[in-house]
Amino acid sequence: MTNSQQYTEVFNALEGYFDGLYHANTKQLAEVFHPDARYINMGVGDYMNKSLPEYFEIVERRTPPANKGEGREDRLLSIEFGGSQMAFVKASMTMMGREYLDFLILTHDHFGWRIMTKVFTYIPKIQEA
């Protein structure tokens, strides 16, 4: 697989990730998360370390930002590869009144690129006047 193919496949996985979060769609998210994935929230006073099923319970309880008509702001800040089986992604998004910063570790297997670990933090979104 060429570098160009790797970037394209990781980018496509991240599109599914951002779409799944915006629509609170755990079926879509299940396609981009590895079944053994961990969800780790490092927000001050809001630490969580959850399995994928525990994380999906949280997502399913949300009112999707898309249903509220919230704007969608997501950014892919960087992708670094550690060979052909591992990638580190730094991404950010704004939704639910917060600005999120995600560090994502993706692994590649016969299912393609999937998120193995999501470690993130957030701050309240500053409202523009």
N, C-alpha and C. Protein backbone atom coordinates (compact mmCIF):
# COMPACT_ATOMS: atom_id res chain seq x y z
N MET A 1 0.85 -1.18 0.00
CA MET A 1 0.00 0.00 0.00
C MET A 1 0.88 1.24 0.00
N THR A 2 0.58 2.19 -0.85
CA THR A 2 1.37 3.42 -0.93
C THR A 2 0.95 4.39 0.17
N ASN A 3 1.79 5.38 0.42
CA ASN A 3 1.45 6.43 1.39
C ASN A 3 0.15 7.12 1.02
N SER A 4 -0.03 7.38 -0.26
CA SER A 4 -1.24 8.04 -0.74
C SER A 4 -2.49 7.20 -0.40
N GLN A 5 -2.38 5.89 -0.60
CA GLN A 5 -3.51 5.01 -0.27
C GLN A 5 -3.77 5.01 1.23
N GLN A 6 -2.71 4.98 2.04
CA GLN A 6 -2.87 5.01 3.49
C GLN A 6 -3.60 6.28 3.93
N TYR A 7 -3.14 7.43 3.43
CA TYR A 7 -3.78 8.69 3.80
C TYR A 7 -5.25 8.70 3.38
N THR A 8 -5.53 8.23 2.20
CA THR A 8 -6.91 8.21 1.70
C THR A 8 -7.78 7.33 2.58
N GLU A 9 -7.30 6.14 2.93
CA GLU A 9 -8.09 5.22 3.75
C GLU A 9 -8.31 5.76 5.16
N VAL A 10 -7.27 6.36 5.75
CA VAL A 10 -7.43 6.96 7.09
C VAL A 10 -8.40 8.14 7.01
N PHE A 11 -8.25 8.97 6.00
CA PHE A 11 -9.16 10.11 5.82
C PHE A 11 -10.61 9.62 5.71
N ASN A 12 -10.85 8.57 4.94
CA ASN A 12 -12.21 8.02 4.78
C ASN A 12 -12.75 7.49 6.11
N ALA A 13 -11.90 6.84 6.90
CA ALA A 13 -12.33 6.37 8.22
C ALA A 13 -12.71 7.54 9.10
N LEU A 14 -11.95 8.63 9.02
CA LEU A 14 -12.24 9.80 9.84
C LEU A 14 -13.52 10.51 9.41
N GLU A 15 -13.80 10.49 8.13
CA GLU A 15 -15.09 11.04 7.66
C GLU A 15 -16.24 10.25 8.31
N GLY A 16 -16.12 8.93 8.34
CA GLY A 16 -17.13 8.11 9.01
C GLY A 16 -17.22 8.40 10.50
N TYR A 17 -16.09 8.67 11.11
CA TYR A 17 -16.04 9.02 12.53
C TYR A 17 -16.77 10.34 12.79
N PHE A 18 -16.41 11.38 12.04
CA PHE A 18 -17.06 12.68 12.22
C PHE A 18 -18.56 12.60 11.92
N ASP A 19 -18.92 11.93 10.84
CA ASP A 19 -20.34 11.78 10.49
C ASP A 19 -21.10 11.03 11.59
N GLY A 20 -20.50 9.93 12.07
CA GLY A 20 -21.15 9.14 13.11
C GLY A 20 -21.38 9.94 14.38
N LEU A 21 -20.41 10.75 14.77
CA LEU A 21 -20.58 11.58 15.96
C LEU A 21 -21.65 12.65 15.74
N TYR A 22 -21.62 13.30 14.60
CA TYR A 22 -22.57 14.37 14.31
C TYR A 22 -24.00 13.84 14.30
N HIS A 23 -24.18 12.63 13.84
CA HIS A 23 -25.53 12.03 13.78
C HIS A 23 -25.80 11.08 14.94
N ALA A 24 -24.86 10.95 15.89
CA ALA A 24 -24.96 10.02 17.02
C ALA A 24 -25.36 8.63 16.53
N ASN A 25 -24.69 8.17 15.49
CA ASN A 25 -25.02 6.92 14.82
C ASN A 25 -23.97 5.86 15.19
N THR A 26 -24.31 5.01 16.16
CA THR A 26 -23.35 4.01 16.62
C THR A 26 -23.12 2.90 15.59
N LYS A 27 -24.07 2.67 14.71
CA LYS A 27 -23.83 1.68 13.64
C LYS A 27 -22.72 2.17 12.72
N GLN A 28 -22.75 3.45 12.39
CA GLN A 28 -21.70 4.03 11.55
C GLN A 28 -20.38 4.06 12.31
N LEU A 29 -20.43 4.42 13.58
CA LEU A 29 -19.21 4.47 14.39
C LEU A 29 -18.59 3.07 14.55
N ALA A 30 -19.42 2.04 14.62
CA ALA A 30 -18.91 0.67 14.76
C ALA A 30 -18.07 0.26 13.56
N GLU A 31 -18.30 0.90 12.43
CA GLU A 31 -17.50 0.59 11.24
C GLU A 31 -16.10 1.19 11.31
N VAL A 32 -15.91 2.22 12.12
CA VAL A 32 -14.61 2.89 12.18
C VAL A 32 -13.87 2.66 13.50
N PHE A 33 -14.52 2.05 14.48
CA PHE A 33 -13.87 1.72 15.74
C PHE A 33 -13.56 0.23 15.77
N HIS A 34 -12.39 -0.12 16.26
CA HIS A 34 -12.04 -1.51 16.50
C HIS A 34 -12.89 -2.01 17.68
N PRO A 35 -13.34 -3.26 17.67
CA PRO A 35 -14.18 -3.76 18.77
C PRO A 35 -13.50 -3.67 20.14
N ASP A 36 -12.17 -3.68 20.18
CA ASP A 36 -11.44 -3.59 21.45
C ASP A 36 -11.07 -2.16 21.81
N ALA A 37 -11.62 -1.18 21.12
CA ALA A 37 -11.24 0.23 21.31
C ALA A 37 -11.51 0.70 22.73
N ARG A 38 -10.74 1.72 23.12
CA ARG A 38 -10.93 2.40 24.40
C ARG A 38 -11.27 3.86 24.13
N TYR A 39 -12.14 4.39 24.98
CA TYR A 39 -12.60 5.78 24.93
C TYR A 39 -12.14 6.42 26.23
N ILE A 40 -11.26 7.42 26.14
CA ILE A 40 -10.69 8.01 27.34
C ILE A 40 -10.88 9.52 27.29
N ASN A 41 -11.63 10.03 28.25
CA ASN A 41 -11.91 11.46 28.38
C ASN A 41 -10.96 12.03 29.42
N MET A 42 -10.13 12.97 29.00
CA MET A 42 -9.19 13.63 29.91
C MET A 42 -9.65 15.04 30.26
N GLY A 43 -10.94 15.35 30.05
CA GLY A 43 -11.45 16.66 30.43
C GLY A 43 -11.30 16.87 31.94
N VAL A 44 -10.92 18.06 32.34
CA VAL A 44 -10.71 18.36 33.76
C VAL A 44 -11.98 18.05 34.54
N GLY A 45 -11.86 17.20 35.54
CA GLY A 45 -12.99 16.82 36.39
C GLY A 45 -13.98 15.89 35.72
N ASP A 46 -13.65 15.36 34.53
CA ASP A 46 -14.60 14.53 33.79
C ASP A 46 -13.92 13.27 33.23
N TYR A 47 -12.92 12.75 33.95
CA TYR A 47 -12.18 11.58 33.47
C TYR A 47 -13.10 10.39 33.27
N MET A 48 -12.92 9.70 32.14
CA MET A 48 -13.63 8.46 31.84
C MET A 48 -12.68 7.56 31.08
N ASN A 49 -12.79 6.27 31.31
CA ASN A 49 -12.05 5.26 30.54
C ASN A 49 -13.05 4.14 30.29
N LYS A 50 -13.58 4.08 29.07
CA LYS A 50 -14.69 3.19 28.75
C LYS A 50 -14.34 2.22 27.63
N SER A 51 -15.03 1.09 27.64
CA SER A 51 -14.97 0.15 26.52
C SER A 51 -15.85 0.69 25.40
N LEU A 52 -15.76 0.08 24.23
CA LEU A 52 -16.57 0.53 23.10
C LEU A 52 -18.07 0.41 23.40
N PRO A 53 -18.56 -0.72 23.94
CA PRO A 53 -20.00 -0.77 24.26
C PRO A 53 -20.43 0.30 25.26
N GLU A 54 -19.59 0.58 26.25
CA GLU A 54 -19.93 1.64 27.22
C GLU A 54 -19.97 3.00 26.54
N TYR A 55 -19.02 3.25 25.65
CA TYR A 55 -18.99 4.51 24.91
C TYR A 55 -20.23 4.65 24.03
N PHE A 56 -20.61 3.58 23.34
CA PHE A 56 -21.77 3.64 22.47
C PHE A 56 -23.05 3.90 23.25
N GLU A 57 -23.14 3.44 24.49
CA GLU A 57 -24.31 3.76 25.33
C GLU A 57 -24.41 5.27 25.54
N ILE A 58 -23.28 5.92 25.74
CA ILE A 58 -23.25 7.38 25.91
C ILE A 58 -23.73 8.06 24.64
N VAL A 59 -23.21 7.64 23.50
CA VAL A 59 -23.58 8.24 22.21
C VAL A 59 -25.07 8.05 21.94
N GLU A 60 -25.60 6.88 22.24
CA GLU A 60 -27.01 6.59 21.96
C GLU A 60 -27.96 7.42 22.81
N ARG A 61 -27.50 7.91 23.95
CA ARG A 61 -28.35 8.75 24.82
C ARG A 61 -28.37 10.21 24.37
N ARG A 62 -27.50 10.57 23.47
CA ARG A 62 -27.41 11.96 23.01
C ARG A 62 -28.52 12.30 22.03
N THR A 63 -28.89 13.57 22.04
CA THR A 63 -29.66 14.09 20.91
C THR A 63 -28.61 14.49 19.88
N PRO A 64 -28.66 13.90 18.70
CA PRO A 64 -27.63 14.19 17.70
C PRO A 64 -27.54 15.68 17.40
N PRO A 65 -26.32 16.21 17.32
CA PRO A 65 -26.16 17.62 16.93
C PRO A 65 -26.85 17.92 15.60
N ALA A 66 -26.88 16.96 14.69
CA ALA A 66 -27.55 17.16 13.39
C ALA A 66 -29.03 17.42 13.59
N ASN A 67 -29.66 16.74 14.55
CA ASN A 67 -31.10 16.92 14.80
C ASN A 67 -31.41 18.28 15.41
N LYS A 68 -30.42 18.88 16.07
CA LYS A 68 -30.61 20.20 16.67
C LYS A 68 -30.27 21.32 15.70
N GLY A 69 -29.80 20.94 14.51
CA GLY A 69 -29.40 21.95 13.53
C GLY A 69 -28.09 22.63 13.85
N GLU A 70 -27.27 22.01 14.72
CA GLU A 70 -25.97 22.59 15.05
C GLU A 70 -25.08 22.58 13.82
N GLY A 71 -24.27 23.59 13.70
CA GLY A 71 -23.28 23.60 12.64
C GLY A 71 -22.25 22.52 12.90
N ARG A 72 -21.58 22.11 11.86
CA ARG A 72 -20.58 21.06 11.99
C ARG A 72 -19.21 21.63 11.67
N GLU A 73 -18.33 21.55 12.65
CA GLU A 73 -16.95 22.01 12.47
C GLU A 73 -16.03 20.88 12.88
N ASP A 74 -15.40 20.21 11.93
CA ASP A 74 -14.40 19.21 12.27
C ASP A 74 -13.17 19.43 11.41
N ARG A 75 -12.02 19.15 12.02
CA ARG A 75 -10.75 19.41 11.35
C ARG A 75 -9.79 18.25 11.60
N LEU A 76 -9.15 17.82 10.56
CA LEU A 76 -8.08 16.84 10.65
C LEU A 76 -6.79 17.65 10.73
N LEU A 77 -6.13 17.61 11.87
CA LEU A 77 -4.95 18.46 12.09
C LEU A 77 -3.65 17.78 11.64
N SER A 78 -3.56 16.47 11.84
CA SER A 78 -2.36 15.77 11.40
C SER A 78 -2.58 14.26 11.37
N ILE A 79 -1.81 13.59 10.53
CA ILE A 79 -1.77 12.13 10.47
C ILE A 79 -0.30 11.74 10.42
N GLU A 80 0.09 10.82 11.30
CA GLU A 80 1.44 10.27 11.28
C GLU A 80 1.33 8.75 11.24
N PHE A 81 2.12 8.13 10.40
CA PHE A 81 2.10 6.67 10.28
C PHE A 81 3.30 6.07 11.00
N GLY A 82 3.05 4.95 11.65
CA GLY A 82 4.09 4.15 12.28
C GLY A 82 4.17 2.83 11.53
N GLY A 83 4.64 2.87 10.33
CA GLY A 83 4.66 1.68 9.48
C GLY A 83 3.33 1.53 8.77
N SER A 84 3.01 0.32 8.39
CA SER A 84 1.80 0.08 7.60
C SER A 84 0.60 -0.35 8.45
N GLN A 85 0.78 -0.49 9.76
CA GLN A 85 -0.29 -1.02 10.62
C GLN A 85 -0.80 -0.03 11.65
N MET A 86 -0.20 1.15 11.74
CA MET A 86 -0.54 2.03 12.84
C MET A 86 -0.47 3.49 12.39
N ALA A 87 -1.42 4.30 12.87
CA ALA A 87 -1.43 5.73 12.57
C ALA A 87 -1.86 6.51 13.80
N PHE A 88 -1.32 7.71 13.93
CA PHE A 88 -1.71 8.65 14.98
C PHE A 88 -2.38 9.83 14.30
N VAL A 89 -3.58 10.16 14.75
CA VAL A 89 -4.33 11.27 14.17
C VAL A 89 -4.65 12.28 15.26
N LYS A 90 -4.43 13.54 14.94
CA LYS A 90 -4.84 14.64 15.81
C LYS A 90 -5.98 15.34 15.07
N ALA A 91 -7.12 15.43 15.74
CA ALA A 91 -8.31 16.01 15.11
C ALA A 91 -9.03 16.89 16.11
N SER A 92 -9.83 17.81 15.59
CA SER A 92 -10.65 18.64 16.48
C SER A 92 -12.03 18.78 15.88
N MET A 93 -12.97 19.05 16.75
CA MET A 93 -14.35 19.26 16.31
C MET A 93 -15.06 20.14 17.33
N THR A 94 -16.08 20.80 16.85
CA THR A 94 -16.93 21.61 17.72
C THR A 94 -18.34 21.08 17.60
N MET A 95 -18.91 20.70 18.73
CA MET A 95 -20.31 20.28 18.78
C MET A 95 -20.75 20.26 20.24
N MET A 96 -22.03 20.29 20.43
CA MET A 96 -22.63 20.24 21.76
C MET A 96 -22.06 21.32 22.70
N GLY A 97 -21.75 22.50 22.12
CA GLY A 97 -21.27 23.61 22.93
C GLY A 97 -19.84 23.47 23.42
N ARG A 98 -19.08 22.54 22.82
CA ARG A 98 -17.71 22.30 23.25
C ARG A 98 -16.77 22.23 22.06
N GLU A 99 -15.51 22.58 22.32
CA GLU A 99 -14.44 22.39 21.34
C GLU A 99 -13.64 21.19 21.83
N TYR A 100 -13.60 20.15 21.00
CA TYR A 100 -12.93 18.90 21.35
C TYR A 100 -11.58 18.79 20.65
N LEU A 101 -10.62 18.20 21.33
CA LEU A 101 -9.35 17.83 20.74
C LEU A 101 -9.19 16.34 20.95
N ASP A 102 -9.04 15.59 19.85
CA ASP A 102 -8.93 14.14 19.88
C ASP A 102 -7.55 13.70 19.45
N PHE A 103 -6.98 12.77 20.20
CA PHE A 103 -5.80 12.02 19.77
C PHE A 103 -6.31 10.61 19.50
N LEU A 104 -6.22 10.17 18.27
CA LEU A 104 -6.75 8.88 17.85
C LEU A 104 -5.61 7.98 17.38
N ILE A 105 -5.58 6.77 17.88
CA ILE A 105 -4.65 5.76 17.38
C ILE A 105 -5.48 4.81 16.52
N LEU A 106 -5.10 4.69 15.26
CA LEU A 106 -5.77 3.77 14.34
C LEU A 106 -4.84 2.61 14.04
N THR A 107 -5.43 1.44 13.88
CA THR A 107 -4.68 0.26 13.49
C THR A 107 -5.27 -0.28 12.20
N HIS A 108 -4.43 -0.98 11.44
CA HIS A 108 -4.87 -1.54 10.16
C HIS A 108 -4.81 -3.06 10.23
N ASP A 109 -5.92 -3.69 9.86
CA ASP A 109 -5.97 -5.15 9.75
C ASP A 109 -6.82 -5.49 8.53
N HIS A 110 -7.28 -6.72 8.43
CA HIS A 110 -8.05 -7.13 7.25
C HIS A 110 -9.39 -6.39 7.12
N PHE A 111 -9.80 -5.65 8.15
CA PHE A 111 -11.02 -4.83 8.07
C PHE A 111 -10.70 -3.41 7.63
N GLY A 112 -9.43 -3.05 7.53
CA GLY A 112 -9.03 -1.70 7.15
C GLY A 112 -8.57 -0.91 8.37
N TRP A 113 -8.57 0.40 8.22
CA TRP A 113 -8.15 1.30 9.30
C TRP A 113 -9.30 1.53 10.27
N ARG A 114 -9.03 1.28 11.56
CA ARG A 114 -10.05 1.49 12.59
C ARG A 114 -9.42 2.11 13.82
N ILE A 115 -10.23 2.88 14.53
CA ILE A 115 -9.77 3.56 15.75
C ILE A 115 -9.66 2.54 16.87
N MET A 116 -8.45 2.45 17.44
CA MET A 116 -8.20 1.55 18.56
C MET A 116 -8.31 2.30 19.89
N THR A 117 -7.89 3.57 19.87
CA THR A 117 -7.91 4.37 21.09
C THR A 117 -8.30 5.80 20.74
N LYS A 118 -9.23 6.32 21.54
CA LYS A 118 -9.63 7.72 21.43
C LYS A 118 -9.35 8.36 22.79
N VAL A 119 -8.41 9.30 22.82
CA VAL A 119 -8.13 10.07 24.02
C VAL A 119 -8.42 11.51 23.67
N PHE A 120 -9.25 12.16 24.47
CA PHE A 120 -9.66 13.51 24.11
C PHE A 120 -9.85 14.39 25.33
N THR A 121 -9.94 15.66 25.06
CA THR A 121 -10.29 16.66 26.05
C THR A 121 -11.17 17.69 25.37
N TYR A 122 -11.71 18.60 26.14
CA TYR A 122 -12.59 19.62 25.56
C TYR A 122 -12.60 20.86 26.44
N ILE A 123 -13.02 21.96 25.83
CA ILE A 123 -13.26 23.21 26.54
C ILE A 123 -14.59 23.75 26.05
N PRO A 124 -15.27 24.57 26.85
CA PRO A 124 -16.52 25.20 26.34
C PRO A 124 -16.22 26.03 25.11
N LYS A 125 -17.11 25.96 24.14
CA LYS A 125 -16.96 26.77 22.92
C LYS A 125 -17.25 28.22 23.24
N ILE A 126 -16.37 29.08 22.81
CA ILE A 126 -16.54 30.51 23.04
C ILE A 126 -17.53 31.03 22.01
N GLN A 127 -18.60 31.61 22.48
CA GLN A 127 -19.62 32.16 21.59
C GLN A 127 -19.16 33.48 21.02
N GLU A 128 -19.28 33.61 19.72
CA GLU A 128 -18.91 34.87 19.08
C GLU A 128 -20.05 35.85 19.21
N ALA A 129 -19.70 37.11 19.41
CA ALA A 129 -20.72 38.15 19.61
C ALA A 129 -21.40 38.51 18.32
